[in-house]
Amino acid sequence: MALIVRDSCTRGGRSITVRLMKLASGFVLIFALAGCAAEPMTASSPAAPALPPAAAFPPPPPPPAIAEPPPSALAGYDASSVAGELAWETKLRALPSADRMRENMRRLSAHPHHVGSPYDKDNAEWILARFREAGLDAHIEEFQVLFPTPKKRVLEMVAPVRFTARLEEPEVKGDPTSGQKSEQLPPYNAYSVDGDVTGPLVFVGYGLPRDYEELDRLNVSVKGAIVLARYGESWRGVKPKTAAEHGAVGCILYSDPRDDGYFDEDGYPAGPMRSPWSVQRGSVADQASTATGDPLTPGVAAISSA
């Protein structure tokens, strides 16, 4: 039950009403309201003692001061650690050599070195020797993986005119490694399905589900067709998978200059972008819904005993 006590007084010519409410929870609420002239105290219970003046309550003590750390010249380090950190950074910056890195990259990229190739093994052994020279306990581990390479590739347009694609990258002037045809992988994507198909060609943008939704809205079907899709916007393996789910019998992937070519900057060797005739290589395995790694040993290392 709430007990209400009202006490009226006049201070400095103004009448102020002070009300004290005692709640069942034990909290006390005080309200100071502008009021009329003083009136006697009334209550349904015995009178409560008058409240002491505000001056009787001392102000709370100020919170203890928090010692600020001394300023540091290096973000993330206190003053006592700065000198040691800067000394280590100076030592580390002195280690890399731009000339040595340039020569190492030339050595590593002097020949095609895709997985399983002779120069890939040569590179591994050369890197191993460098690690051991640096005092590291290093060794080479061998994995036996499925790495399919094509025996025959043909891409032809049979109507309205006949056209046969070269499916080969020309040499790039100034890059001697671009002419090593006998050592290079041909333009293709690993884990592509074998087959010989013919059908109408349908452009599907990036070949993503949203592109097929737009084609459905336009009443364009890809069933029985060969779709043409741009690289980009997703993992490349999604594109042939999505095409097959919509009934397509084939999928051609290409790199659009708008995404990685001369649209932004010059192509190689004049600039950093893809040269006009270069072809992206990679895998189109369905990694989104299957275990990653070697398809013959999903989820585990492709060692001889797997």
C-alpha atoms as a PDB file:
ATOM      1  CA  MET A   1       0.000   0.000   0.000  1.00  0.00           C
ATOM      2  CA  ALA A   2       1.309   3.482  -0.837  1.00  0.00           C
ATOM      3  CA  LEU A   3       1.621   6.043   1.898  1.00  0.00           C
ATOM      4  CA  ILE A   4       1.306   9.629   0.660  1.00  0.00           C
ATOM      5  CA  VAL A   5       2.452  12.554   2.755  1.00  0.00           C
ATOM      6  CA  ARG A   6       2.092  16.147   1.547  1.00  0.00           C
ATOM      7  CA  ASP A   7       4.091  18.953   3.030  1.00  0.00           C
ATOM      8  CA  SER A   8       3.706  22.545   1.880  1.00  0.00           C
ATOM      9  CA  CYS A   9       6.053  25.438   2.424  1.00  0.00           C
ATOM     10  CA  THR A  10       6.882  28.775   0.928  1.00  0.00           C
ATOM     11  CA  ARG A  11      10.443  29.683  -0.132  1.00  0.00           C
ATOM     12  CA  GLY A  12      11.541  32.929  -1.672  1.00  0.00           C
ATOM     13  CA  GLY A  13       7.975  34.066  -2.227  1.00  0.00           C
ATOM     14  CA  ARG A  14       6.988  30.906  -4.201  1.00  0.00           C
ATOM     15  CA  SER A  15       4.853  28.084  -2.944  1.00  0.00           C
ATOM     16  CA  ILE A  16       6.403  24.630  -3.578  1.00  0.00           C
ATOM     17  CA  THR A  17       4.636  21.355  -2.872  1.00  0.00           C
ATOM     18  CA  VAL A  18       6.855  18.423  -2.001  1.00  0.00           C
ATOM     19  CA  ARG A  19       5.312  14.971  -2.204  1.00  0.00           C
ATOM     20  CA  LEU A  20       6.906  11.853  -0.850  1.00  0.00           C
ATOM     21  CA  MET A  21       5.593   8.522  -2.148  1.00  0.00           C
ATOM     22  CA  LYS A  22       6.728   5.345  -0.480  1.00  0.00           C
ATOM     23  CA  LEU A  23       6.233   2.345  -2.730  1.00  0.00           C
ATOM     24  CA  ALA A  24       5.884  -1.279  -1.733  1.00  0.00           C
ATOM     25  CA  SER A  25       9.276  -1.923  -3.279  1.00  0.00           C
ATOM     26  CA  GLY A  26      10.878   0.399  -0.765  1.00  0.00           C
ATOM     27  CA  PHE A  27      11.795   3.156  -3.268  1.00  0.00           C
ATOM     28  CA  VAL A  28      10.950   6.737  -2.424  1.00  0.00           C
ATOM     29  CA  LEU A  29       9.951   9.189  -5.143  1.00  0.00           C
ATOM     30  CA  ILE A  30      10.026  12.952  -4.481  1.00  0.00           C
ATOM     31  CA  PHE A  31       8.160  15.425  -6.678  1.00  0.00           C
ATOM     32  CA  ALA A  32       8.576  19.204  -6.378  1.00  0.00           C
ATOM     33  CA  LEU A  33       5.616  21.006  -7.938  1.00  0.00           C
ATOM     34  CA  ALA A  34       4.628  24.655  -8.013  1.00  0.00           C
ATOM     35  CA  GLY A  35       1.718  24.961  -5.650  1.00  0.00           C
ATOM     36  CA  CYS A  36      -0.484  27.352  -3.812  1.00  0.00           C
ATOM     37  CA  ALA A  37      -0.206  28.712  -0.316  1.00  0.00           C
ATOM     38  CA  ALA A  38       0.902  26.472   2.470  1.00  0.00           C
ATOM     39  CA  GLU A  39      -1.701  24.181   3.913  1.00  0.00           C
ATOM     40  CA  PRO A  40      -1.647  21.828   6.859  1.00  0.00           C
ATOM     41  CA  MET A  41      -0.304  18.324   6.415  1.00  0.00           C
ATOM     42  CA  THR A  42      -3.013  15.696   5.966  1.00  0.00           C
ATOM     43  CA  ALA A  43      -2.703  11.974   5.761  1.00  0.00           C
ATOM     44  CA  SER A  44      -4.676   8.889   6.465  1.00  0.00           C
ATOM     45  CA  SER A  45      -1.861   7.574   8.587  1.00  0.00           C
ATOM     46  CA  PRO A  46       0.361   8.953  11.338  1.00  0.00           C
ATOM     47  CA  ALA A  47       2.390  11.977  10.311  1.00  0.00           C
ATOM     48  CA  ALA A  48       5.815  11.368   8.895  1.00  0.00           C
ATOM     49  CA  PRO A  49       8.807  13.397  10.041  1.00  0.00           C
ATOM     50  CA  ALA A  50       9.650  16.425   7.951  1.00  0.00           C
ATOM     51  CA  LEU A  51      12.259  15.966   5.225  1.00  0.00           C
ATOM     52  CA  PRO A  52      15.643  17.466   6.024  1.00  0.00           C
ATOM     53  CA  PRO A  53      16.760  20.368   3.853  1.00  0.00           C
ATOM     54  CA  ALA A  54      18.718  19.586   0.695  1.00  0.00           C
ATOM     55  CA  ALA A  55      21.887  21.004   2.208  1.00  0.00           C
ATOM     56  CA  ALA A  56      21.853  18.169   4.739  1.00  0.00           C
ATOM     57  CA  PHE A  57      22.695  15.658   1.975  1.00  0.00           C
ATOM     58  CA  PRO A  58      26.379  15.945   0.956  1.00  0.00           C
ATOM     59  CA  PRO A  59      27.144  15.598  -2.780  1.00  0.00           C
ATOM     60  CA  PRO A  60      28.435  12.190  -3.907  1.00  0.00           C
ATOM     61  CA  PRO A  61      32.198  11.865  -4.084  1.00  0.00           C
ATOM     62  CA  PRO A  62      33.728  12.236  -7.581  1.00  0.00           C
ATOM     63  CA  PRO A  63      34.675   8.977  -9.382  1.00  0.00           C
ATOM     64  CA  PRO A  64      38.279   7.926  -8.974  1.00  0.00           C
ATOM     65  CA  ALA A  65      40.546   9.292 -11.688  1.00  0.00           C
ATOM     66  CA  ILE A  66      41.641   6.767 -14.350  1.00  0.00           C
ATOM     67  CA  ALA A  67      45.298   6.964 -15.114  1.00  0.00           C
ATOM     68  CA  GLU A  68      45.800   7.541 -18.853  1.00  0.00           C
ATOM     69  CA  PRO A  69      48.639   5.567 -20.463  1.00  0.00           C
ATOM     70  CA  PRO A  70      51.490   7.655 -21.764  1.00  0.00           C
ATOM     71  CA  PRO A  71      51.162   8.607 -25.429  1.00  0.00           C
ATOM     72  CA  SER A  72      52.671   6.164 -27.918  1.00  0.00           C
ATOM     73  CA  ALA A  73      54.290   6.882 -31.249  1.00  0.00           C
ATOM     74  CA  LEU A  74      52.957   3.598 -32.713  1.00  0.00           C
ATOM     75  CA  ALA A  75      49.287   2.657 -32.757  1.00  0.00           C
ATOM     76  CA  GLY A  76      48.586  -0.560 -30.887  1.00  0.00           C
ATOM     77  CA  TYR A  77      51.772  -0.484 -28.784  1.00  0.00           C
ATOM     78  CA  ASP A  78      52.420   1.172 -25.445  1.00  0.00           C
ATOM     79  CA  ALA A  79      55.388   3.450 -25.037  1.00  0.00           C
ATOM     80  CA  SER A  80      57.549   0.744 -23.485  1.00  0.00           C
ATOM     81  CA  SER A  81      57.115  -1.560 -26.527  1.00  0.00           C
ATOM     82  CA  VAL A  82      57.572   0.911 -29.375  1.00  0.00           C
ATOM     83  CA  ALA A  83      61.355   0.785 -29.583  1.00  0.00           C
ATOM     84  CA  GLY A  84      61.487  -3.006 -29.707  1.00  0.00           C
ATOM     85  CA  GLU A  85      58.728  -3.225 -32.319  1.00  0.00           C
ATOM     86  CA  LEU A  86      60.366  -0.650 -34.575  1.00  0.00           C
ATOM     87  CA  ALA A  87      63.677  -2.488 -34.301  1.00  0.00           C
ATOM     88  CA  TRP A  88      62.076  -5.740 -35.483  1.00  0.00           C
ATOM     89  CA  GLU A  89      60.263  -3.979 -38.322  1.00  0.00           C
ATOM     90  CA  THR A  90      63.534  -2.454 -39.486  1.00  0.00           C
ATOM     91  CA  LYS A  91      65.165  -5.892 -39.548  1.00  0.00           C
ATOM     92  CA  LEU A  92      62.248  -7.416 -41.470  1.00  0.00           C
ATOM     93  CA  ARG A  93      62.165  -4.616 -44.043  1.00  0.00           C
ATOM     94  CA  ALA A  94      65.841  -5.199 -44.757  1.00  0.00           C
ATOM     95  CA  LEU A  95      65.268  -8.859 -45.665  1.00  0.00           C
ATOM     96  CA  PRO A  96      63.195  -8.722 -48.910  1.00  0.00           C
ATOM     97  CA  SER A  97      65.072  -7.965 -52.109  1.00  0.00           C
ATOM     98  CA  ALA A  98      63.138  -6.756 -55.134  1.00  0.00           C
ATOM     99  CA  ASP A  99      65.878  -8.016 -57.445  1.00  0.00           C
ATOM    100  CA  ARG A 100      65.876 -11.456 -55.847  1.00  0.00           C
ATOM    101  CA  MET A 101      62.079 -11.709 -55.997  1.00  0.00           C
ATOM    102  CA  ARG A 102      62.105 -10.678 -59.668  1.00  0.00           C
ATOM    103  CA  GLU A 103      64.649 -13.370 -60.536  1.00  0.00           C
ATOM    104  CA  ASN A 104      62.793 -15.979 -58.499  1.00  0.00           C
ATOM    105  CA  MET A 105      59.554 -15.237 -60.361  1.00  0.00           C
ATOM    106  CA  ARG A 106      61.333 -15.456 -63.711  1.00  0.00           C
ATOM    107  CA  ARG A 107      62.806 -18.789 -62.721  1.00  0.00           C
ATOM    108  CA  LEU A 108      59.503 -20.217 -61.477  1.00  0.00           C
ATOM    109  CA  SER A 109      57.534 -19.047 -64.550  1.00  0.00           C
ATOM    110  CA  ALA A 110      60.130 -19.840 -67.219  1.00  0.00           C
ATOM    111  CA  HIS A 111      58.027 -22.822 -68.433  1.00  0.00           C
ATOM    112  CA  PRO A 112      54.429 -23.952 -68.012  1.00  0.00           C
ATOM    113  CA  HIS A 113      54.162 -25.635 -64.625  1.00  0.00           C
ATOM    114  CA  HIS A 114      50.628 -26.973 -64.271  1.00  0.00           C
ATOM    115  CA  VAL A 115      50.060 -29.856 -61.873  1.00  0.00           C
ATOM    116  CA  GLY A 116      51.898 -33.020 -62.913  1.00  0.00           C
ATOM    117  CA  SER A 117      54.099 -31.308 -65.498  1.00  0.00           C
ATOM    118  CA  PRO A 118      57.898 -31.791 -65.520  1.00  0.00           C
ATOM    119  CA  TYR A 119      58.574 -28.143 -64.653  1.00  0.00           C
ATOM    120  CA  ASP A 120      56.076 -28.315 -61.803  1.00  0.00           C
ATOM    121  CA  LYS A 121      58.234 -31.027 -60.217  1.00  0.00           C
ATOM    122  CA  ASP A 122      61.379 -29.053 -61.005  1.00  0.00           C
ATOM    123  CA  ASN A 123      59.916 -25.996 -59.275  1.00  0.00           C
ATOM    124  CA  ALA A 124      58.955 -28.018 -56.205  1.00  0.00           C
ATOM    125  CA  GLU A 125      62.462 -29.373 -55.839  1.00  0.00           C
ATOM    126  CA  TRP A 126      63.992 -25.914 -56.344  1.00  0.00           C
ATOM    127  CA  ILE A 127      61.717 -24.380 -53.690  1.00  0.00           C
ATOM    128  CA  LEU A 128      62.523 -27.250 -51.317  1.00  0.00           C
ATOM    129  CA  ALA A 129      66.232 -26.513 -51.683  1.00  0.00           C
ATOM    130  CA  ARG A 130      65.656 -22.816 -50.911  1.00  0.00           C
ATOM    131  CA  PHE A 131      63.653 -23.665 -47.782  1.00  0.00           C
ATOM    132  CA  ARG A 132      66.374 -25.980 -46.529  1.00  0.00           C
ATOM    133  CA  GLU A 133      68.998 -23.328 -47.219  1.00  0.00           C
ATOM    134  CA  ALA A 134      67.017 -21.064 -44.902  1.00  0.00           C
ATOM    135  CA  GLY A 135      67.242 -23.697 -42.155  1.00  0.00           C
ATOM    136  CA  LEU A 136      63.682 -25.010 -42.435  1.00  0.00           C
ATOM    137  CA  ASP A 137      62.827 -28.680 -41.963  1.00  0.00           C
ATOM    138  CA  ALA A 138      60.984 -29.091 -45.269  1.00  0.00           C
ATOM    139  CA  HIS A 139      59.997 -32.053 -47.440  1.00  0.00           C
ATOM    140  CA  ILE A 140      57.806 -32.851 -50.468  1.00  0.00           C
ATOM    141  CA  GLU A 141      54.562 -34.792 -50.116  1.00  0.00           C
ATOM    142  CA  GLU A 142      53.055 -36.571 -53.123  1.00  0.00           C
ATOM    143  CA  PHE A 143      49.351 -36.713 -53.958  1.00  0.00           C
ATOM    144  CA  GLN A 144      47.838 -38.758 -56.766  1.00  0.00           C
ATOM    145  CA  VAL A 145      44.911 -36.773 -58.104  1.00  0.00           C
ATOM    146  CA  LEU A 146      42.590 -37.041 -61.075  1.00  0.00           C
ATOM    147  CA  PHE A 147      43.674 -34.341 -63.522  1.00  0.00           C
ATOM    148  CA  PRO A 148      41.826 -34.718 -66.831  1.00  0.00           C
ATOM    149  CA  THR A 149      43.272 -33.190 -69.985  1.00  0.00           C
ATOM    150  CA  PRO A 150      41.464 -33.168 -73.358  1.00  0.00           C
ATOM    151  CA  LYS A 151      42.441 -35.292 -76.354  1.00  0.00           C
ATOM    152  CA  LYS A 152      40.220 -33.496 -78.877  1.00  0.00           C
ATOM    153  CA  ARG A 153      38.460 -30.128 -78.793  1.00  0.00           C
ATOM    154  CA  VAL A 154      36.185 -28.764 -81.508  1.00  0.00           C
ATOM    155  CA  LEU A 155      33.936 -25.698 -81.460  1.00  0.00           C
ATOM    156  CA  GLU A 156      32.054 -24.907 -84.657  1.00  0.00           C
ATOM    157  CA  MET A 157      29.153 -22.751 -85.773  1.00  0.00           C
ATOM    158  CA  VAL A 158      27.259 -24.569 -88.545  1.00  0.00           C
ATOM    159  CA  ALA A 159      24.604 -21.943 -89.437  1.00  0.00           C
ATOM    160  CA  PRO A 160      23.865 -19.432 -90.851  1.00  0.00           C
ATOM    161  CA  VAL A 161      27.555 -19.495 -91.834  1.00  0.00           C
ATOM    162  CA  ARG A 162      30.192 -22.022 -90.948  1.00  0.00           C
ATOM    163  CA  PHE A 163      32.911 -20.964 -88.503  1.00  0.00           C
ATOM    164  CA  THR A 164      35.519 -23.010 -86.640  1.00  0.00           C
ATOM    165  CA  ALA A 165      37.095 -21.516 -83.521  1.00  0.00           C
ATOM    166  CA  ARG A 166      40.887 -21.717 -83.214  1.00  0.00           C
ATOM    167  CA  LEU A 167      40.829 -22.647 -79.512  1.00  0.00           C
ATOM    168  CA  GLU A 168      44.429 -21.531 -79.247  1.00  0.00           C
ATOM    169  CA  GLU A 169      46.137 -18.464 -77.835  1.00  0.00           C
ATOM    170  CA  PRO A 170      48.540 -16.586 -80.119  1.00  0.00           C
ATOM    171  CA  GLU A 171      52.024 -15.709 -78.951  1.00  0.00           C
ATOM    172  CA  VAL A 172      52.422 -12.406 -77.132  1.00  0.00           C
ATOM    173  CA  LYS A 173      55.186 -10.181 -78.445  1.00  0.00           C
ATOM    174  CA  GLY A 174      57.884  -9.742 -75.833  1.00  0.00           C
ATOM    175  CA  ASP A 175      56.859 -12.808 -73.809  1.00  0.00           C
ATOM    176  CA  PRO A 176      58.989 -15.794 -74.829  1.00  0.00           C
ATOM    177  CA  THR A 177      57.016 -18.183 -72.621  1.00  0.00           C
ATOM    178  CA  SER A 178      53.820 -17.561 -74.630  1.00  0.00           C
ATOM    179  CA  GLY A 179      55.209 -19.589 -77.536  1.00  0.00           C
ATOM    180  CA  GLN A 180      55.928 -22.818 -75.623  1.00  0.00           C
ATOM    181  CA  LYS A 181      53.011 -24.601 -77.261  1.00  0.00           C
ATOM    182  CA  SER A 182      54.238 -28.160 -76.697  1.00  0.00           C
ATOM    183  CA  GLU A 183      54.385 -27.591 -72.926  1.00  0.00           C
ATOM    184  CA  GLN A 184      51.221 -25.568 -72.479  1.00  0.00           C
ATOM    185  CA  LEU A 185      47.798 -26.784 -71.491  1.00  0.00           C
ATOM    186  CA  PRO A 186      45.278 -26.061 -74.258  1.00  0.00           C
ATOM    187  CA  PRO A 187      42.391 -23.709 -73.493  1.00  0.00           C
ATOM    188  CA  TYR A 188      39.826 -25.840 -71.664  1.00  0.00           C
ATOM    189  CA  ASN A 189      38.224 -26.334 -68.255  1.00  0.00           C
ATOM    190  CA  ALA A 190      39.049 -29.394 -66.181  1.00  0.00           C
ATOM    191  CA  TYR A 191      36.257 -31.851 -65.298  1.00  0.00           C
ATOM    192  CA  SER A 192      34.176 -30.815 -68.295  1.00  0.00           C
ATOM    193  CA  VAL A 193      31.842 -33.566 -69.487  1.00  0.00           C
ATOM    194  CA  ASP A 194      32.836 -35.495 -72.625  1.00  0.00           C
ATOM    195  CA  GLY A 195      30.384 -35.307 -75.493  1.00  0.00           C
ATOM    196  CA  ASP A 196      29.463 -34.217 -79.010  1.00  0.00           C
ATOM    197  CA  VAL A 197      26.396 -31.978 -79.078  1.00  0.00           C
ATOM    198  CA  THR A 198      24.710 -29.633 -81.548  1.00  0.00           C
ATOM    199  CA  GLY A 199      22.039 -27.106 -80.734  1.00  0.00           C
ATOM    200  CA  PRO A 200      20.935 -23.483 -81.028  1.00  0.00           C
ATOM    201  CA  LEU A 201      23.055 -20.898 -79.230  1.00  0.00           C
ATOM    202  CA  VAL A 202      21.458 -18.876 -76.435  1.00  0.00           C
ATOM    203  CA  PHE A 203      23.217 -16.077 -74.574  1.00  0.00           C
ATOM    204  CA  VAL A 204      22.543 -16.329 -70.833  1.00  0.00           C
ATOM    205  CA  GLY A 205      24.498 -13.405 -69.379  1.00  0.00           C
ATOM    206  CA  TYR A 206      26.553 -14.643 -66.442  1.00  0.00           C
ATOM    207  CA  GLY A 207      24.680 -17.929 -66.467  1.00  0.00           C
ATOM    208  CA  LEU A 208      23.323 -17.510 -62.945  1.00  0.00           C
ATOM    209  CA  PRO A 209      19.834 -18.447 -61.696  1.00  0.00           C
ATOM    210  CA  ARG A 210      18.692 -14.831 -61.964  1.00  0.00           C
ATOM    211  CA  ASP A 211      19.618 -14.821 -65.676  1.00  0.00           C
ATOM    212  CA  TYR A 212      17.460 -17.870 -66.334  1.00  0.00           C
ATOM    213  CA  GLU A 213      14.608 -16.269 -64.404  1.00  0.00           C
ATOM    214  CA  GLU A 214      14.809 -13.305 -66.773  1.00  0.00           C
ATOM    215  CA  LEU A 215      14.865 -15.641 -69.797  1.00  0.00           C
ATOM    216  CA  ASP A 216      11.781 -17.440 -68.457  1.00  0.00           C
ATOM    217  CA  ARG A 217      10.051 -14.060 -68.129  1.00  0.00           C
ATOM    218  CA  LEU A 218      10.867 -13.418 -71.804  1.00  0.00           C
ATOM    219  CA  ASN A 219       9.681 -16.927 -72.778  1.00  0.00           C
ATOM    220  CA  VAL A 220      13.179 -17.932 -73.937  1.00  0.00           C
ATOM    221  CA  SER A 221      13.983 -21.593 -73.345  1.00  0.00           C
ATOM    222  CA  VAL A 222      17.465 -23.143 -73.253  1.00  0.00           C
ATOM    223  CA  LYS A 223      16.236 -26.717 -73.364  1.00  0.00           C
ATOM    224  CA  GLY A 224      18.285 -28.591 -75.958  1.00  0.00           C
ATOM    225  CA  ALA A 225      20.449 -25.479 -76.557  1.00  0.00           C
ATOM    226  CA  ILE A 226      24.105 -24.616 -76.084  1.00  0.00           C
ATOM    227  CA  VAL A 227      24.367 -21.617 -73.771  1.00  0.00           C
ATOM    228  CA  LEU A 228      26.979 -18.852 -73.978  1.00  0.00           C
ATOM    229  CA  ALA A 229      27.881 -17.447 -70.544  1.00  0.00           C
ATOM    230  CA  ARG A 230      30.269 -14.767 -69.322  1.00  0.00           C
ATOM    231  CA  TYR A 231      32.900 -15.470 -66.725  1.00  0.00           C
ATOM    232  CA  GLY A 232      32.445 -13.586 -63.465  1.00  0.00           C
ATOM    233  CA  GLU A 233      29.913 -12.943 -60.703  1.00  0.00           C
ATOM    234  CA  SER A 234      30.274 -16.523 -59.387  1.00  0.00           C
ATOM    235  CA  TRP A 235      32.372 -19.667 -59.288  1.00  0.00           C
ATOM    236  CA  ARG A 236      32.715 -20.902 -62.863  1.00  0.00           C
ATOM    237  CA  GLY A 237      31.453 -24.379 -61.944  1.00  0.00           C
ATOM    238  CA  VAL A 238      28.028 -22.903 -61.174  1.00  0.00           C
ATOM    239  CA  LYS A 239      27.491 -21.934 -64.822  1.00  0.00           C
ATOM    240  CA  PRO A 240      27.481 -25.341 -66.594  1.00  0.00           C
ATOM    241  CA  LYS A 241      25.668 -26.874 -63.610  1.00  0.00           C
ATOM    242  CA  THR A 242      22.879 -24.289 -63.778  1.00  0.00           C
ATOM    243  CA  ALA A 243      22.711 -24.646 -67.564  1.00  0.00           C
ATOM    244  CA  ALA A 244      22.236 -28.411 -67.288  1.00  0.00           C
ATOM    245  CA  GLU A 245      19.532 -27.935 -64.637  1.00  0.00           C
ATOM    246  CA  HIS A 246      17.597 -25.856 -67.171  1.00  0.00           C
ATOM    247  CA  GLY A 247      17.907 -28.449 -69.930  1.00  0.00           C
ATOM    248  CA  ALA A 248      20.903 -27.126 -71.891  1.00  0.00           C
ATOM    249  CA  VAL A 249      23.143 -29.667 -73.617  1.00  0.00           C
ATOM    250  CA  GLY A 250      26.319 -27.579 -73.654  1.00  0.00           C
ATOM    251  CA  CYS A 251      27.915 -24.496 -72.111  1.00  0.00           C
ATOM    252  CA  ILE A 252      30.538 -22.152 -73.584  1.00  0.00           C
ATOM    253  CA  LEU A 253      32.324 -19.786 -71.172  1.00  0.00           C
ATOM    254  CA  TYR A 254      34.122 -16.660 -72.305  1.00  0.00           C
ATOM    255  CA  SER A 255      35.911 -13.700 -70.729  1.00  0.00           C
ATOM    256  CA  ASP A 256      34.221 -10.403 -71.522  1.00  0.00           C
ATOM    257  CA  PRO A 257      36.523  -7.352 -71.845  1.00  0.00           C
ATOM    258  CA  ARG A 258      33.977  -5.460 -69.750  1.00  0.00           C
ATOM    259  CA  ASP A 259      34.946  -7.610 -66.763  1.00  0.00           C
ATOM    260  CA  ASP A 260      38.698  -8.176 -67.022  1.00  0.00           C
ATOM    261  CA  GLY A 261      39.976  -6.716 -70.290  1.00  0.00           C
ATOM    262  CA  TYR A 262      40.714  -3.500 -72.092  1.00  0.00           C
ATOM    263  CA  PHE A 263      37.493  -1.837 -70.933  1.00  0.00           C
ATOM    264  CA  ASP A 264      39.264  -0.643 -67.752  1.00  0.00           C
ATOM    265  CA  GLU A 265      42.963  -0.624 -68.677  1.00  0.00           C
ATOM    266  CA  ASP A 266      45.304  -1.875 -71.392  1.00  0.00           C
ATOM    267  CA  GLY A 267      45.709  -5.610 -71.758  1.00  0.00           C
ATOM    268  CA  TYR A 268      48.954  -7.503 -71.261  1.00  0.00           C
ATOM    269  CA  PRO A 269      51.763  -6.749 -72.110  1.00  0.00           C
ATOM    270  CA  ALA A 270      50.923  -3.027 -72.386  1.00  0.00           C
ATOM    271  CA  GLY A 271      48.895  -3.098 -69.166  1.00  0.00           C
ATOM    272  CA  PRO A 272      47.734  -5.307 -66.325  1.00  0.00           C
ATOM    273  CA  MET A 273      44.478  -6.596 -67.824  1.00  0.00           C
ATOM    274  CA  ARG A 274      43.859  -9.795 -69.747  1.00  0.00           C
ATOM    275  CA  SER A 275      45.126  -9.681 -73.309  1.00  0.00           C
ATOM    276  CA  PRO A 276      42.389  -9.824 -75.983  1.00  0.00           C
ATOM    277  CA  TRP A 277      43.154 -13.417 -77.054  1.00  0.00           C
ATOM    278  CA  SER A 278      43.987 -15.029 -73.710  1.00  0.00           C
ATOM    279  CA  VAL A 279      41.736 -17.749 -72.326  1.00  0.00           C
ATOM    280  CA  GLN A 280      40.931 -18.427 -68.708  1.00  0.00           C
ATOM    281  CA  ARG A 281      41.599 -21.994 -67.565  1.00  0.00           C
ATOM    282  CA  GLY A 282      40.308 -23.698 -64.460  1.00  0.00           C
ATOM    283  CA  SER A 283      37.916 -26.264 -63.071  1.00  0.00           C
ATOM    284  CA  VAL A 284      34.169 -26.549 -63.526  1.00  0.00           C
ATOM    285  CA  ALA A 285      33.721 -29.239 -60.886  1.00  0.00           C
ATOM    286  CA  ASP A 286      30.520 -28.930 -58.881  1.00  0.00           C
ATOM    287  CA  GLN A 287      32.184 -27.788 -55.667  1.00  0.00           C
ATOM    288  CA  ALA A 288      29.027 -26.190 -54.352  1.00  0.00           C
ATOM    289  CA  SER A 289      27.260 -29.507 -53.685  1.00  0.00           C
ATOM    290  CA  THR A 290      30.109 -32.042 -53.495  1.00  0.00           C
ATOM    291  CA  ALA A 291      33.127 -32.490 -51.262  1.00  0.00           C
ATOM    292  CA  THR A 292      36.144 -30.408 -52.195  1.00  0.00           C
ATOM    293  CA  GLY A 293      39.411 -31.932 -53.281  1.00  0.00           C
ATOM    294  CA  ASP A 294      40.114 -34.797 -55.646  1.00  0.00           C
ATOM    295  CA  PRO A 295      36.876 -36.297 -57.044  1.00  0.00           C
ATOM    296  CA  LEU A 296      38.247 -39.822 -56.571  1.00  0.00           C
ATOM    297  CA  THR A 297      38.846 -39.280 -52.855  1.00  0.00           C
ATOM    298  CA  PRO A 298      36.176 -36.780 -51.732  1.00  0.00           C
ATOM    299  CA  GLY A 299      36.832 -35.307 -48.327  1.00  0.00           C
ATOM    300  CA  VAL A 300      40.230 -36.976 -47.785  1.00  0.00           C
ATOM    301  CA  ALA A 301      43.743 -36.483 -49.088  1.00  0.00           C
ATOM    302  CA  ALA A 302      44.527 -38.163 -52.422  1.00  0.00           C
ATOM    303  CA  ILE A 303      47.401 -40.284 -51.141  1.00  0.00           C
ATOM    304  CA  SER A 304      48.266 -43.702 -52.550  1.00  0.00           C
ATOM    305  CA  SER A 305      46.480 -45.544 -49.759  1.00  0.00           C
ATOM    306  CA  ALA A 306      43.239 -43.546 -49.986  1.00  0.00           C
END
